[in-house]
Amino acid sequence: MKWTDTIEIAIALIDHHPDIDPVSVRFTDLQRWVLELPGFDDVPERCGERILEAIQQAWIDEL
């Protein structure tokens, strides 16, 4: 997975953090959780606020 795979990341986050409300997640935690996902293989520096917002929105939408 790369940073741009927002839906795939969102689904993986749902699986790994089923009790978390994505609306309340801080971007620092979200970035760390994405980096810790199995199969995630991208450079941390390629992530910005816009990407994290897209991931967070995809997570909300998938729930």
Protein backbone atom coordinates (compact mmCIF):
# COMPACT_ATOMS: atom_id res chain seq x y z
CA MET A 1 0.00 0.00 0.00
CA LYS A 2 1.01 3.56 -0.68
CA TRP A 3 -0.29 6.82 0.80
CA THR A 4 -2.63 7.25 -2.16
CA ASP A 5 -4.41 3.93 -1.50
CA THR A 6 -6.86 5.68 0.81
CA ILE A 7 -9.71 3.18 0.65
CA GLU A 8 -7.43 0.18 1.13
CA ILE A 9 -5.78 1.96 4.07
CA ALA A 10 -9.19 2.83 5.56
CA ILE A 11 -10.33 -0.79 5.38
CA ALA A 12 -7.09 -1.95 7.01
CA LEU A 13 -7.51 0.64 9.78
CA ILE A 14 -11.05 -0.60 10.44
CA ASP A 15 -9.66 -4.13 10.81
CA HIS A 16 -6.78 -3.08 13.07
CA HIS A 17 -8.60 -0.44 15.15
CA PRO A 18 -12.25 -1.58 15.24
CA ASP A 19 -13.15 0.34 18.40
CA ILE A 20 -11.78 3.70 17.26
CA ASP A 21 -13.98 6.56 16.08
CA PRO A 22 -12.03 8.00 13.12
CA VAL A 23 -13.48 11.47 13.73
CA SER A 24 -11.57 11.71 17.01
CA VAL A 25 -8.20 10.50 15.69
CA ARG A 26 -5.31 12.96 15.70
CA PHE A 27 -3.28 13.09 12.51
CA THR A 28 -0.09 12.16 14.37
CA ASP A 29 -1.74 8.93 15.55
CA LEU A 30 -3.29 8.29 12.14
CA GLN A 31 0.06 8.62 10.40
CA ARG A 32 1.72 6.26 12.89
CA TRP A 33 -1.06 3.69 12.54
CA VAL A 34 -0.82 3.76 8.75
CA LEU A 35 2.94 3.31 8.88
CA GLU A 36 2.43 0.29 11.18
CA LEU A 37 -0.06 -1.45 8.85
CA PRO A 38 1.12 -4.75 7.38
CA GLY A 39 1.71 -4.30 3.68
CA PHE A 40 2.20 -0.54 3.89
CA ASP A 41 5.30 0.41 1.97
CA ASP A 42 5.76 4.11 1.41
CA VAL A 43 7.99 6.89 2.64
CA PRO A 44 6.72 8.81 5.70
CA GLU A 45 7.84 12.11 4.18
CA ARG A 46 5.38 11.69 1.29
CA CYS A 47 2.49 12.10 3.68
CA GLY A 48 0.89 15.45 4.34
CA GLU A 49 -2.23 16.83 5.94
CA ARG A 50 -4.22 16.51 2.71
CA ILE A 51 -3.45 12.78 2.45
CA LEU A 52 -4.30 12.19 6.10
CA GLU A 53 -7.60 14.03 5.64
CA ALA A 54 -8.41 11.80 2.66
CA ILE A 55 -7.57 8.66 4.66
CA GLN A 56 -9.65 9.84 7.60
CA GLN A 57 -12.61 10.63 5.32
CA ALA A 58 -12.34 7.25 3.61
CA TRP A 59 -12.31 5.58 7.05
CA ILE A 60 -15.46 7.48 8.04
CA ASP A 61 -17.14 6.62 4.73
CA GLU A 62 -16.27 2.92 4.98
CA LEU A 63 -17.82 2.67 8.45
